[in-house]
mmCIF file of all heavy atoms, coordinates in Angstrom:
data_MODEL
# 
_entry.id   MODEL 
# 
loop_
_atom_site.group_PDB 
_atom_site.id 
_atom_site.type_symbol 
_atom_site.label_atom_id 
_atom_site.label_alt_id 
_atom_site.label_comp_id 
_atom_site.label_asym_id 
_atom_site.label_entity_id 
_atom_site.label_seq_id 
_atom_site.pdbx_PDB_ins_code 
_atom_site.Cartn_x 
_atom_site.Cartn_y 
_atom_site.Cartn_z 
_atom_site.occupancy 
_atom_site.B_iso_or_equiv 
_atom_site.pdbx_formal_charge 
_atom_site.auth_seq_id 
_atom_site.auth_comp_id 
_atom_site.auth_asym_id 
_atom_site.auth_atom_id 
_atom_site.pdbx_PDB_model_num 
ATOM 1   N N   . LEU A 1 1  ? -2.501  3.844   -6.616  1.00 0.00 ? 1  LEU A N   1 
ATOM 2   C CA  . LEU A 1 1  ? -1.364  3.194   -5.977  1.00 0.00 ? 1  LEU A CA  1 
ATOM 3   C C   . LEU A 1 1  ? -0.237  4.201   -5.757  1.00 0.00 ? 1  LEU A C   1 
ATOM 4   O O   . LEU A 1 1  ? 0.398   4.206   -4.695  1.00 0.00 ? 1  LEU A O   1 
ATOM 5   C CB  . LEU A 1 1  ? -0.892  2.021   -6.851  1.00 0.00 ? 1  LEU A CB  1 
ATOM 6   C CG  . LEU A 1 1  ? -0.070  0.941   -6.174  1.00 0.00 ? 1  LEU A CG  1 
ATOM 7   C CD1 . LEU A 1 1  ? -0.778  0.370   -4.957  1.00 0.00 ? 1  LEU A CD1 1 
ATOM 8   C CD2 . LEU A 1 1  ? 0.246   -0.165  -7.162  1.00 0.00 ? 1  LEU A CD2 1 
ATOM 9   N N   . ASP A 1 2  ? -0.017  5.074   -6.730  1.00 0.00 ? 2  ASP A N   1 
ATOM 10  C CA  . ASP A 1 2  ? 1.025   6.100   -6.601  1.00 0.00 ? 2  ASP A CA  1 
ATOM 11  C C   . ASP A 1 2  ? 0.750   7.033   -5.422  1.00 0.00 ? 2  ASP A C   1 
ATOM 12  O O   . ASP A 1 2  ? 1.671   7.401   -4.685  1.00 0.00 ? 2  ASP A O   1 
ATOM 13  C CB  . ASP A 1 2  ? 1.130   6.933   -7.884  1.00 0.00 ? 2  ASP A CB  1 
ATOM 14  C CG  . ASP A 1 2  ? 1.718   6.156   -9.052  1.00 0.00 ? 2  ASP A CG  1 
ATOM 15  O OD1 . ASP A 1 2  ? 2.387   5.131   -8.809  1.00 0.00 ? 2  ASP A OD1 1 
ATOM 16  O OD2 . ASP A 1 2  ? 1.500   6.584   -10.202 1.00 0.00 ? 2  ASP A OD2 1 
ATOM 17  N N   . GLN A 1 3  ? -0.503  7.407   -5.226  1.00 0.00 ? 3  GLN A N   1 
ATOM 18  C CA  . GLN A 1 3  ? -0.846  8.279   -4.100  1.00 0.00 ? 3  GLN A CA  1 
ATOM 19  C C   . GLN A 1 3  ? -0.573  7.582   -2.774  1.00 0.00 ? 3  GLN A C   1 
ATOM 20  O O   . GLN A 1 3  ? -0.068  8.207   -1.836  1.00 0.00 ? 3  GLN A O   1 
ATOM 21  C CB  . GLN A 1 3  ? -2.315  8.690   -4.176  1.00 0.00 ? 3  GLN A CB  1 
ATOM 22  C CG  . GLN A 1 3  ? -2.622  9.679   -5.274  1.00 0.00 ? 3  GLN A CG  1 
ATOM 23  C CD  . GLN A 1 3  ? -4.113  9.944   -5.410  1.00 0.00 ? 3  GLN A CD  1 
ATOM 24  O OE1 . GLN A 1 3  ? -4.925  9.017   -5.365  1.00 0.00 ? 3  GLN A OE1 1 
ATOM 25  N NE2 . GLN A 1 3  ? -4.476  11.209  -5.599  1.00 0.00 ? 3  GLN A NE2 1 
ATOM 26  N N   . ILE A 1 4  ? -0.927  6.315   -2.683  1.00 0.00 ? 4  ILE A N   1 
ATOM 27  C CA  . ILE A 1 4  ? -0.697  5.556   -1.444  1.00 0.00 ? 4  ILE A CA  1 
ATOM 28  C C   . ILE A 1 4  ? 0.799   5.517   -1.145  1.00 0.00 ? 4  ILE A C   1 
ATOM 29  O O   . ILE A 1 4  ? 1.228   5.762   -0.011  1.00 0.00 ? 4  ILE A O   1 
ATOM 30  C CB  . ILE A 1 4  ? -1.283  4.129   -1.552  1.00 0.00 ? 4  ILE A CB  1 
ATOM 31  C CG1 . ILE A 1 4  ? -2.811  4.206   -1.652  1.00 0.00 ? 4  ILE A CG1 1 
ATOM 32  C CG2 . ILE A 1 4  ? -0.844  3.263   -0.374  1.00 0.00 ? 4  ILE A CG2 1 
ATOM 33  C CD1 . ILE A 1 4  ? -3.484  2.902   -2.032  1.00 0.00 ? 4  ILE A CD1 1 
ATOM 34  N N   . GLU A 1 5  ? 1.591   5.215   -2.172  1.00 0.00 ? 5  GLU A N   1 
ATOM 35  C CA  . GLU A 1 5  ? 3.047   5.141   -1.995  1.00 0.00 ? 5  GLU A CA  1 
ATOM 36  C C   . GLU A 1 5  ? 3.613   6.488   -1.559  1.00 0.00 ? 5  GLU A C   1 
ATOM 37  O O   . GLU A 1 5  ? 4.443   6.557   -0.654  1.00 0.00 ? 5  GLU A O   1 
ATOM 38  C CB  . GLU A 1 5  ? 3.714   4.704   -3.302  1.00 0.00 ? 5  GLU A CB  1 
ATOM 39  C CG  . GLU A 1 5  ? 3.380   3.278   -3.688  1.00 0.00 ? 5  GLU A CG  1 
ATOM 40  C CD  . GLU A 1 5  ? 3.769   2.950   -5.135  1.00 0.00 ? 5  GLU A CD  1 
ATOM 41  O OE1 . GLU A 1 5  ? 4.616   3.664   -5.724  1.00 0.00 ? 5  GLU A OE1 1 
ATOM 42  O OE2 . GLU A 1 5  ? 3.205   1.988   -5.676  1.00 0.00 ? 5  GLU A OE2 1 
ATOM 43  N N   . GLU A 1 6  ? 3.140   7.555   -2.187  1.00 0.00 ? 6  GLU A N   1 
ATOM 44  C CA  . GLU A 1 6  ? 3.662   8.892   -1.890  1.00 0.00 ? 6  GLU A CA  1 
ATOM 45  C C   . GLU A 1 6  ? 3.283   9.355   -0.483  1.00 0.00 ? 6  GLU A C   1 
ATOM 46  O O   . GLU A 1 6  ? 4.130   9.817   0.286   1.00 0.00 ? 6  GLU A O   1 
ATOM 47  C CB  . GLU A 1 6  ? 3.143   9.888   -2.923  1.00 0.00 ? 6  GLU A CB  1 
ATOM 48  C CG  . GLU A 1 6  ? 3.688   11.286  -2.742  1.00 0.00 ? 6  GLU A CG  1 
ATOM 49  C CD  . GLU A 1 6  ? 3.139   12.255  -3.773  1.00 0.00 ? 6  GLU A CD  1 
ATOM 50  O OE1 . GLU A 1 6  ? 2.905   11.845  -4.924  1.00 0.00 ? 6  GLU A OE1 1 
ATOM 51  O OE2 . GLU A 1 6  ? 2.949   13.434  -3.403  1.00 0.00 ? 6  GLU A OE2 1 
ATOM 52  N N   . VAL A 1 7  ? 2.010   9.223   -0.136  1.00 0.00 ? 7  VAL A N   1 
ATOM 53  C CA  . VAL A 1 7  ? 1.544   9.717   1.167   1.00 0.00 ? 7  VAL A CA  1 
ATOM 54  C C   . VAL A 1 7  ? 2.147   8.916   2.316   1.00 0.00 ? 7  VAL A C   1 
ATOM 55  O O   . VAL A 1 7  ? 2.567   9.477   3.329   1.00 0.00 ? 7  VAL A O   1 
ATOM 56  C CB  . VAL A 1 7  ? -0.005  9.700   1.236   1.00 0.00 ? 7  VAL A CB  1 
ATOM 57  C CG1 . VAL A 1 7  ? -0.492  10.005  2.632   1.00 0.00 ? 7  VAL A CG1 1 
ATOM 58  C CG2 . VAL A 1 7  ? -0.590  10.695  0.241   1.00 0.00 ? 7  VAL A CG2 1 
ATOM 59  N N   . LEU A 1 8  ? 2.193   7.600   2.168   1.00 0.00 ? 8  LEU A N   1 
ATOM 60  C CA  . LEU A 1 8  ? 2.721   6.765   3.239   1.00 0.00 ? 8  LEU A CA  1 
ATOM 61  C C   . LEU A 1 8  ? 4.240   6.602   3.168   1.00 0.00 ? 8  LEU A C   1 
ATOM 62  O O   . LEU A 1 8  ? 4.834   5.997   4.053   1.00 0.00 ? 8  LEU A O   1 
ATOM 63  C CB  . LEU A 1 8  ? 2.051   5.386   3.211   1.00 0.00 ? 8  LEU A CB  1 
ATOM 64  C CG  . LEU A 1 8  ? 0.565   5.373   3.563   1.00 0.00 ? 8  LEU A CG  1 
ATOM 65  C CD1 . LEU A 1 8  ? -0.022  3.977   3.397   1.00 0.00 ? 8  LEU A CD1 1 
ATOM 66  C CD2 . LEU A 1 8  ? 0.353   5.858   4.980   1.00 0.00 ? 8  LEU A CD2 1 
ATOM 67  N N   . ASP A 1 9  ? 4.850   7.120   2.084   1.00 0.00 ? 9  ASP A N   1 
ATOM 68  C CA  . ASP A 1 9  ? 6.289   7.022   1.879   1.00 0.00 ? 9  ASP A CA  1 
ATOM 69  C C   . ASP A 1 9  ? 6.748   5.562   1.946   1.00 0.00 ? 9  ASP A C   1 
ATOM 70  O O   . ASP A 1 9  ? 7.614   5.193   2.746   1.00 0.00 ? 9  ASP A O   1 
ATOM 71  C CB  . ASP A 1 9  ? 7.036   7.880   2.905   1.00 0.00 ? 9  ASP A CB  1 
ATOM 72  C CG  . ASP A 1 9  ? 8.491   8.097   2.514   1.00 0.00 ? 9  ASP A CG  1 
ATOM 73  O OD1 . ASP A 1 9  ? 8.800   8.036   1.308   1.00 0.00 ? 9  ASP A OD1 1 
ATOM 74  O OD2 . ASP A 1 9  ? 9.330   8.297   3.429   1.00 0.00 ? 9  ASP A OD2 1 
ATOM 75  N N   . ILE A 1 10 ? 6.107   4.743   1.098   1.00 0.00 ? 10 ILE A N   1 
ATOM 76  C CA  . ILE A 1 10 ? 6.411   3.314   1.052   1.00 0.00 ? 10 ILE A CA  1 
ATOM 77  C C   . ILE A 1 10 ? 6.627   2.889   -0.406  1.00 0.00 ? 10 ILE A C   1 
ATOM 78  O O   . ILE A 1 10 ? 6.313   3.627   -1.340  1.00 0.00 ? 10 ILE A O   1 
ATOM 79  C CB  . ILE A 1 10 ? 5.289   2.460   1.681   1.00 0.00 ? 10 ILE A CB  1 
ATOM 80  C CG1 . ILE A 1 10 ? 3.940   2.714   0.984   1.00 0.00 ? 10 ILE A CG1 1 
ATOM 81  C CG2 . ILE A 1 10 ? 5.189   2.736   3.184   1.00 0.00 ? 10 ILE A CG2 1 
ATOM 82  C CD1 . ILE A 1 10 ? 2.802   1.842   1.494   1.00 0.00 ? 10 ILE A CD1 1 
ATOM 83  N N   . THR A 1 11 ? 7.134   1.673   -0.568  1.00 0.00 ? 11 THR A N   1 
ATOM 84  C CA  . THR A 1 11 ? 7.382   1.142   -1.909  1.00 0.00 ? 11 THR A CA  1 
ATOM 85  C C   . THR A 1 11 ? 6.098   0.561   -2.488  1.00 0.00 ? 11 THR A C   1 
ATOM 86  O O   . THR A 1 11 ? 5.102   0.376   -1.778  1.00 0.00 ? 11 THR A O   1 
ATOM 87  C CB  . THR A 1 11 ? 8.439   0.028   -1.867  1.00 0.00 ? 11 THR A CB  1 
ATOM 88  O OG1 . THR A 1 11 ? 7.904   -1.077  -1.149  1.00 0.00 ? 11 THR A OG1 1 
ATOM 89  C CG2 . THR A 1 11 ? 9.742   0.511   -1.241  1.00 0.00 ? 11 THR A CG2 1 
ATOM 90  N N   . GLU A 1 12 ? 6.158   0.231   -3.773  1.00 0.00 ? 12 GLU A N   1 
ATOM 91  C CA  . GLU A 1 12 ? 5.007   -0.379  -4.443  1.00 0.00 ? 12 GLU A CA  1 
ATOM 92  C C   . GLU A 1 12 ? 4.656   -1.721  -3.799  1.00 0.00 ? 12 GLU A C   1 
ATOM 93  O O   . GLU A 1 12 ? 3.477   -2.020  -3.582  1.00 0.00 ? 12 GLU A O   1 
ATOM 94  C CB  . GLU A 1 12 ? 5.302   -0.562  -5.934  1.00 0.00 ? 12 GLU A CB  1 
ATOM 95  C CG  . GLU A 1 12 ? 4.120   -1.085  -6.720  1.00 0.00 ? 12 GLU A CG  1 
ATOM 96  C CD  . GLU A 1 12 ? 4.404   -1.183  -8.213  1.00 0.00 ? 12 GLU A CD  1 
ATOM 97  O OE1 . GLU A 1 12 ? 5.404   -0.617  -8.685  1.00 0.00 ? 12 GLU A OE1 1 
ATOM 98  O OE2 . GLU A 1 12 ? 3.594   -1.830  -8.901  1.00 0.00 ? 12 GLU A OE2 1 
ATOM 99  N N   . ASP A 1 13 ? 5.674   -2.519  -3.473  1.00 0.00 ? 13 ASP A N   1 
ATOM 100 C CA  . ASP A 1 13 ? 5.431   -3.820  -2.834  1.00 0.00 ? 13 ASP A CA  1 
ATOM 101 C C   . ASP A 1 13 ? 4.763   -3.650  -1.471  1.00 0.00 ? 13 ASP A C   1 
ATOM 102 O O   . ASP A 1 13 ? 3.833   -4.384  -1.123  1.00 0.00 ? 13 ASP A O   1 
ATOM 103 C CB  . ASP A 1 13 ? 6.741   -4.607  -2.681  1.00 0.00 ? 13 ASP A CB  1 
ATOM 104 C CG  . ASP A 1 13 ? 7.274   -5.123  -4.010  1.00 0.00 ? 13 ASP A CG  1 
ATOM 105 O OD1 . ASP A 1 13 ? 6.486   -5.204  -4.977  1.00 0.00 ? 13 ASP A OD1 1 
ATOM 106 O OD2 . ASP A 1 13 ? 8.483   -5.440  -4.080  1.00 0.00 ? 13 ASP A OD2 1 
ATOM 107 N N   . GLU A 1 14 ? 5.232   -2.664  -0.695  1.00 0.00 ? 14 GLU A N   1 
ATOM 108 C CA  . GLU A 1 14 ? 4.631   -2.419  0.620   1.00 0.00 ? 14 GLU A CA  1 
ATOM 109 C C   . GLU A 1 14 ? 3.179   -1.972  0.485   1.00 0.00 ? 14 GLU A C   1 
ATOM 110 O O   . GLU A 1 14 ? 2.326   -2.388  1.272   1.00 0.00 ? 14 GLU A O   1 
ATOM 111 C CB  . GLU A 1 14 ? 5.430   -1.351  1.382   1.00 0.00 ? 14 GLU A CB  1 
ATOM 112 C CG  . GLU A 1 14 ? 6.789   -1.813  1.861   1.00 0.00 ? 14 GLU A CG  1 
ATOM 113 C CD  . GLU A 1 14 ? 7.587   -0.675  2.483   1.00 0.00 ? 14 GLU A CD  1 
ATOM 114 O OE1 . GLU A 1 14 ? 7.783   0.356   1.799   1.00 0.00 ? 14 GLU A OE1 1 
ATOM 115 O OE2 . GLU A 1 14 ? 7.997   -0.833  3.658   1.00 0.00 ? 14 GLU A OE2 1 
ATOM 116 N N   . SER A 1 15 ? 2.898   -1.138  -0.508  1.00 0.00 ? 15 SER A N   1 
ATOM 117 C CA  . SER A 1 15 ? 1.520   -0.679  -0.689  1.00 0.00 ? 15 SER A CA  1 
ATOM 118 C C   . SER A 1 15 ? 0.615   -1.844  -1.090  1.00 0.00 ? 15 SER A C   1 
ATOM 119 O O   . SER A 1 15 ? -0.518  -1.941  -0.627  1.00 0.00 ? 15 SER A O   1 
ATOM 120 C CB  . SER A 1 15 ? 1.440   0.465   -1.696  1.00 0.00 ? 15 SER A CB  1 
ATOM 121 O OG  . SER A 1 15 ? 1.849   0.047   -2.970  1.00 0.00 ? 15 SER A OG  1 
ATOM 122 N N   . HIS A 1 16 ? 1.119   -2.742  -1.929  1.00 0.00 ? 16 HIS A N   1 
ATOM 123 C CA  . HIS A 1 16 ? 0.341   -3.941  -2.294  1.00 0.00 ? 16 HIS A CA  1 
ATOM 124 C C   . HIS A 1 16 ? 0.064   -4.799  -1.064  1.00 0.00 ? 16 HIS A C   1 
ATOM 125 O O   . HIS A 1 16 ? -1.054  -5.303  -0.883  1.00 0.00 ? 16 HIS A O   1 
ATOM 126 C CB  . HIS A 1 16 ? 1.074   -4.769  -3.356  1.00 0.00 ? 16 HIS A CB  1 
ATOM 127 C CG  . HIS A 1 16 ? 0.908   -4.258  -4.750  1.00 0.00 ? 16 HIS A CG  1 
ATOM 128 N ND1 . HIS A 1 16 ? -0.281  -4.310  -5.423  1.00 0.00 ? 16 HIS A ND1 1 
ATOM 129 C CD2 . HIS A 1 16 ? 1.799   -3.675  -5.598  1.00 0.00 ? 16 HIS A CD2 1 
ATOM 130 C CE1 . HIS A 1 16 ? -0.133  -3.787  -6.627  1.00 0.00 ? 16 HIS A CE1 1 
ATOM 131 N NE2 . HIS A 1 16 ? 1.139   -3.381  -6.752  1.00 0.00 ? 16 HIS A NE2 1 
ATOM 132 N N   . GLU A 1 17 ? 1.078   -4.959  -0.219  1.00 0.00 ? 17 GLU A N   1 
ATOM 133 C CA  . GLU A 1 17 ? 0.911   -5.751  1.014   1.00 0.00 ? 17 GLU A CA  1 
ATOM 134 C C   . GLU A 1 17 ? -0.147  -5.138  1.924   1.00 0.00 ? 17 GLU A C   1 
ATOM 135 O O   . GLU A 1 17 ? -1.009  -5.846  2.457   1.00 0.00 ? 17 GLU A O   1 
ATOM 136 C CB  . GLU A 1 17 ? 2.240   -5.839  1.781   1.00 0.00 ? 17 GLU A CB  1 
ATOM 137 C CG  . GLU A 1 17 ? 3.177   -6.903  1.295   1.00 0.00 ? 17 GLU A CG  1 
ATOM 138 C CD  . GLU A 1 17 ? 4.453   -6.944  2.130   1.00 0.00 ? 17 GLU A CD  1 
ATOM 139 O OE1 . GLU A 1 17 ? 4.378   -6.750  3.379   1.00 0.00 ? 17 GLU A OE1 1 
ATOM 140 O OE2 . GLU A 1 17 ? 5.522   -7.163  1.538   1.00 0.00 ? 17 GLU A OE2 1 
ATOM 141 N N   . LEU A 1 18 ? -0.064  -3.818  2.134   1.00 0.00 ? 18 LEU A N   1 
ATOM 142 C CA  . LEU A 1 18 ? -1.034  -3.133  2.992   1.00 0.00 ? 18 LEU A CA  1 
ATOM 143 C C   . LEU A 1 18 ? -2.451  -3.259  2.438   1.00 0.00 ? 18 LEU A C   1 
ATOM 144 O O   . LEU A 1 18 ? -3.393  -3.555  3.174   1.00 0.00 ? 18 LEU A O   1 
ATOM 145 C CB  . LEU A 1 18 ? -0.685  -1.650  3.132   1.00 0.00 ? 18 LEU A CB  1 
ATOM 146 C CG  . LEU A 1 18 ? 0.429   -1.277  4.080   1.00 0.00 ? 18 LEU A CG  1 
ATOM 147 C CD1 . LEU A 1 18 ? 0.705   0.222   4.010   1.00 0.00 ? 18 LEU A CD1 1 
ATOM 148 C CD2 . LEU A 1 18 ? 0.092   -1.679  5.504   1.00 0.00 ? 18 LEU A CD2 1 
ATOM 149 N N   . LEU A 1 19 ? -2.599  -3.028  1.145   1.00 0.00 ? 19 LEU A N   1 
ATOM 150 C CA  . LEU A 1 19 ? -3.923  -3.128  0.513   1.00 0.00 ? 19 LEU A CA  1 
ATOM 151 C C   . LEU A 1 19 ? -4.486  -4.533  0.623   1.00 0.00 ? 19 LEU A C   1 
ATOM 152 O O   . LEU A 1 19 ? -5.665  -4.722  0.952   1.00 0.00 ? 19 LEU A O   1 
ATOM 153 C CB  . LEU A 1 19 ? -3.854  -2.708  -0.951  1.00 0.00 ? 19 LEU A CB  1 
ATOM 154 C CG  . LEU A 1 19 ? -3.842  -1.210  -1.213  1.00 0.00 ? 19 LEU A CG  1 
ATOM 155 C CD1 . LEU A 1 19 ? -3.398  -0.916  -2.631  1.00 0.00 ? 19 LEU A CD1 1 
ATOM 156 C CD2 . LEU A 1 19 ? -5.209  -0.613  -0.943  1.00 0.00 ? 19 LEU A CD2 1 
ATOM 157 N N   . THR A 1 20 ? -3.652  -5.530  0.365   1.00 0.00 ? 20 THR A N   1 
ATOM 158 C CA  . THR A 1 20 ? -4.099  -6.926  0.439   1.00 0.00 ? 20 THR A CA  1 
ATOM 159 C C   . THR A 1 20 ? -4.510  -7.279  1.861   1.00 0.00 ? 20 THR A C   1 
ATOM 160 O O   . THR A 1 20 ? -5.555  -7.903  2.081   1.00 0.00 ? 20 THR A O   1 
ATOM 161 C CB  . THR A 1 20 ? -2.989  -7.877  -0.053  1.00 0.00 ? 20 THR A CB  1 
ATOM 162 O OG1 . THR A 1 20 ? -2.653  -7.528  -1.393  1.00 0.00 ? 20 THR A OG1 1 
ATOM 163 C CG2 . THR A 1 20 ? -3.431  -9.321  0.013   1.00 0.00 ? 20 THR A CG2 1 
ATOM 164 N N   . SER A 1 21 ? -3.721  -6.866  2.829   1.00 0.00 ? 21 SER A N   1 
ATOM 165 C CA  . SER A 1 21 ? -4.031  -7.154  4.228   1.00 0.00 ? 21 SER A CA  1 
ATOM 166 C C   . SER A 1 21 ? -5.345  -6.490  4.653   1.00 0.00 ? 21 SER A C   1 
ATOM 167 O O   . SER A 1 21 ? -6.209  -7.124  5.274   1.00 0.00 ? 21 SER A O   1 
ATOM 168 C CB  . SER A 1 21 ? -2.887  -6.675  5.119   1.00 0.00 ? 21 SER A CB  1 
ATOM 169 O OG  . SER A 1 21 ? -3.185  -6.893  6.472   1.00 0.00 ? 21 SER A OG  1 
ATOM 170 N N   . LEU A 1 22 ? -5.511  -5.218  4.308   1.00 0.00 ? 22 LEU A N   1 
ATOM 171 C CA  . LEU A 1 22 ? -6.733  -4.497  4.660   1.00 0.00 ? 22 LEU A CA  1 
ATOM 172 C C   . LEU A 1 22 ? -7.933  -5.087  3.925   1.00 0.00 ? 22 LEU A C   1 
ATOM 173 O O   . LEU A 1 22 ? -9.006  -5.259  4.510   1.00 0.00 ? 22 LEU A O   1 
ATOM 174 C CB  . LEU A 1 22 ? -6.577  -3.007  4.335   1.00 0.00 ? 22 LEU A CB  1 
ATOM 175 C CG  . LEU A 1 22 ? -7.658  -2.067  4.826   1.00 0.00 ? 22 LEU A CG  1 
ATOM 176 C CD1 . LEU A 1 22 ? -7.845  -2.163  6.337   1.00 0.00 ? 22 LEU A CD1 1 
ATOM 177 C CD2 . LEU A 1 22 ? -7.316  -0.629  4.438   1.00 0.00 ? 22 LEU A CD2 1 
ATOM 178 N N   . LYS A 1 23 ? -7.745  -5.411  2.663   1.00 0.00 ? 23 LYS A N   1 
ATOM 179 C CA  . LYS A 1 23 ? -8.822  -6.010  1.875   1.00 0.00 ? 23 LYS A CA  1 
ATOM 180 C C   . LYS A 1 23 ? -9.256  -7.338  2.490   1.00 0.00 ? 23 LYS A C   1 
ATOM 181 O O   . LYS A 1 23 ? -10.447 -7.633  2.589   1.00 0.00 ? 23 LYS A O   1 
ATOM 182 C CB  . LYS A 1 23 ? -8.363  -6.220  0.428   1.00 0.00 ? 23 LYS A CB  1 
ATOM 183 C CG  . LYS A 1 23 ? -9.456  -6.528  -0.532  1.00 0.00 ? 23 LYS A CG  1 
ATOM 184 C CD  . LYS A 1 23 ? -8.959  -6.479  -1.966  1.00 0.00 ? 23 LYS A CD  1 
ATOM 185 C CE  . LYS A 1 23 ? -10.137 -6.657  -2.890  1.00 0.00 ? 23 LYS A CE  1 
ATOM 186 N NZ  . LYS A 1 23 ? -9.812  -6.442  -4.276  1.00 0.00 ? 23 LYS A NZ  1 
ATOM 187 N N   . ASN A 1 24 ? -8.301  -8.149  2.958   1.00 0.00 ? 24 ASN A N   1 
ATOM 188 C CA  . ASN A 1 24 ? -8.621  -9.431  3.603   1.00 0.00 ? 24 ASN A CA  1 
ATOM 189 C C   . ASN A 1 24 ? -9.369  -9.223  4.922   1.00 0.00 ? 24 ASN A C   1 
ATOM 190 O O   . ASN A 1 24 ? -10.249 -10.008 5.262   1.00 0.00 ? 24 ASN A O   1 
ATOM 191 C CB  . ASN A 1 24 ? -7.359  -10.259 3.822   1.00 0.00 ? 24 ASN A CB  1 
ATOM 192 C CG  . ASN A 1 24 ? -6.803  -10.823 2.532   1.00 0.00 ? 24 ASN A CG  1 
ATOM 193 O OD1 . ASN A 1 24 ? -7.529  -10.989 1.550   1.00 0.00 ? 24 ASN A OD1 1 
ATOM 194 N ND2 . ASN A 1 24 ? -5.505  -11.102 2.514   1.00 0.00 ? 24 ASN A ND2 1 
ATOM 195 N N   . ASP A 1 25 ? -9.024  -8.164  5.660   1.00 0.00 ? 25 ASP A N   1 
ATOM 196 C CA  . ASP A 1 25 ? -9.750  -7.853  6.896   1.00 0.00 ? 25 ASP A CA  1 
ATOM 197 C C   . ASP A 1 25 ? -11.232 -7.623  6.605   1.00 0.00 ? 25 ASP A C   1 
ATOM 198 O O   . ASP A 1 25 ? -12.102 -8.028  7.362   1.00 0.00 ? 25 ASP A O   1 
ATOM 199 C CB  . ASP A 1 25 ? -9.191  -6.592  7.567   1.00 0.00 ? 25 ASP A CB  1 
ATOM 200 C CG  . ASP A 1 25 ? -7.813  -6.793  8.164   1.00 0.00 ? 25 ASP A CG  1 
ATOM 201 O OD1 . ASP A 1 25 ? -7.345  -7.956  8.251   1.00 0.00 ? 25 ASP A OD1 1 
ATOM 202 O OD2 . ASP A 1 25 ? -7.190  -5.778  8.534   1.00 0.00 ? 25 ASP A OD2 1 
# 
């Protein structure tokens, strides 16, 4: 999760949202 936040320059909440959305796809 830390790598996702760092590379995409996003918050923890945003990374959770992105992961959940992609996982649902």
